[in-house]
Amino acid sequence: MRRTNHIGNALGYACQFWAKHLAGTTSNIHDIEEVDKAINDFFETCLLFWIETLSLMENLGAGVYAINEIEVWYTAVSSIMLSTYKKAGIYVYSGGNSLQLDQ
């Protein structure tokens, strides 16, 4: 009943398949940075709503697959980001240690 009253077809589809669409995209470095920010914002502000919606749809498994699809996207774009940063001679900080990428 709650699903019928509060979750339409468009929201249901978006909650189930947004990450699958994300994983199928390729972008330039500026798009990647913008999408990365949007993903971080989503997880900071909407994660519980997303899980609740998937739960009401009785499809929490879609969330597990979505996390995997997000990892696929990050893996695909990491080489683009790394090569761009390397060309710019930007420092990469990881775990409190810094590493300068050689040009």
Protein backbone atom coordinates (compact mmCIF):
# COMPACT_ATOMS: atom_id res chain seq x y z
CA MET A 1 0.00 0.00 0.00
CA ARG A 2 2.77 2.48 0.93
CA ARG A 3 4.56 1.71 -2.31
CA THR A 4 1.47 2.43 -4.37
CA ASN A 5 0.82 5.68 -2.52
CA HIS A 6 4.37 7.05 -2.40
CA ILE A 7 6.59 5.43 -5.01
CA GLY A 8 5.75 5.98 -8.66
CA ASN A 9 7.15 4.09 -11.61
CA ALA A 10 9.79 6.73 -12.38
CA LEU A 11 11.14 6.81 -8.81
CA GLY A 12 11.09 3.03 -8.62
CA TYR A 13 13.04 2.73 -11.85
CA ALA A 14 15.54 5.40 -10.82
CA CYS A 15 16.18 3.77 -7.45
CA GLN A 16 16.80 0.39 -9.05
CA PHE A 17 18.83 1.29 -12.12
CA TRP A 18 20.63 4.66 -11.68
CA ALA A 19 23.97 3.05 -10.88
CA LYS A 20 23.71 0.67 -13.86
CA HIS A 21 23.33 3.68 -16.15
CA LEU A 22 26.24 5.37 -14.37
CA ALA A 23 28.54 2.39 -14.92
CA GLY A 24 27.85 2.52 -18.65
CA THR A 25 29.00 6.10 -19.09
CA THR A 26 32.34 7.53 -20.09
CA SER A 27 33.19 11.15 -19.59
CA ASN A 28 35.90 13.77 -19.70
CA ILE A 29 37.68 14.82 -16.51
CA HIS A 30 35.29 17.72 -15.79
CA ASP A 31 32.24 15.48 -16.06
CA ILE A 32 33.90 12.87 -13.87
CA GLU A 33 34.56 15.41 -11.13
CA GLU A 34 30.96 16.64 -11.29
CA VAL A 35 29.55 13.09 -11.18
CA ASP A 36 31.90 12.18 -8.32
CA LYS A 37 30.59 15.15 -6.34
CA ALA A 38 26.98 14.16 -7.11
CA ILE A 39 27.63 10.58 -5.93
CA ASN A 40 29.18 11.84 -2.70
CA ASP A 41 26.27 14.25 -2.14
CA PHE A 42 23.81 11.43 -2.80
CA PHE A 43 25.40 9.16 -0.21
CA GLU A 44 25.63 11.97 2.34
CA THR A 45 22.03 13.15 1.98
CA CYS A 46 19.87 10.47 0.32
CA LEU A 47 21.29 7.08 1.28
CA LEU A 48 18.67 6.23 3.90
CA PHE A 49 15.80 7.39 1.66
CA TRP A 50 17.17 5.23 -1.15
CA ILE A 51 17.43 2.18 1.12
CA GLU A 52 13.93 2.82 2.47
CA THR A 53 12.52 3.05 -1.05
CA LEU A 54 14.23 -0.16 -2.12
CA SER A 55 12.92 -1.82 1.04
CA LEU A 56 9.34 -0.72 0.33
CA MET A 57 9.75 -2.10 -3.17
CA GLU A 58 11.02 -5.36 -1.62
CA ASN A 59 14.18 -5.07 -3.69
CA LEU A 60 17.10 -4.35 -1.35
CA GLY A 61 19.23 -6.56 -3.58
CA ALA A 62 19.22 -3.77 -6.16
CA GLY A 63 21.20 -1.68 -3.67
CA VAL A 64 23.92 -4.32 -3.47
CA TYR A 65 24.17 -4.44 -7.25
CA ALA A 66 24.20 -0.63 -7.39
CA ILE A 67 27.20 -0.45 -5.05
CA ASN A 68 29.00 -2.84 -7.38
CA GLU A 69 28.09 -0.73 -10.43
CA ILE A 70 29.44 2.39 -8.69
CA GLU A 71 32.70 0.55 -8.05
CA VAL A 72 32.82 -0.40 -11.75
CA TRP A 73 32.38 3.26 -12.70
CA TYR A 74 35.10 4.43 -10.30
CA THR A 75 37.46 1.76 -11.65
CA ALA A 76 36.76 2.83 -15.24
CA VAL A 77 37.29 6.53 -14.62
CA SER A 78 40.25 6.20 -12.25
CA SER A 79 42.66 5.78 -15.16
CA ILE A 80 41.32 8.97 -16.77
CA MET A 81 41.68 10.87 -13.51
CA LEU A 82 45.15 9.50 -12.80
CA SER A 83 46.49 10.36 -16.26
CA THR A 84 45.06 13.88 -16.04
CA TYR A 85 46.55 14.48 -12.59
CA LYS A 86 49.87 13.00 -13.70
CA LYS A 87 50.08 15.40 -16.65
CA ALA A 88 49.44 18.31 -14.30
CA GLY A 89 52.09 17.18 -11.78
CA ILE A 90 49.49 17.18 -9.00
CA TYR A 91 50.23 15.70 -5.61
CA VAL A 92 48.11 12.71 -4.59
CA TYR A 93 47.40 12.32 -0.88
CA SER A 94 46.60 8.88 0.45
CA GLY A 95 46.57 7.71 4.04
CA GLY A 96 48.47 10.75 5.27
CA ASN A 97 51.29 10.18 2.79
CA SER A 98 51.88 12.31 -0.25
CA LEU A 99 53.17 11.22 -3.60
CA GLN A 100 54.04 13.56 -6.44
CA LEU A 101 53.22 12.12 -9.82
CA ASP A 102 56.13 12.55 -12.23
CA GLN A 103 55.47 14.25 -15.53
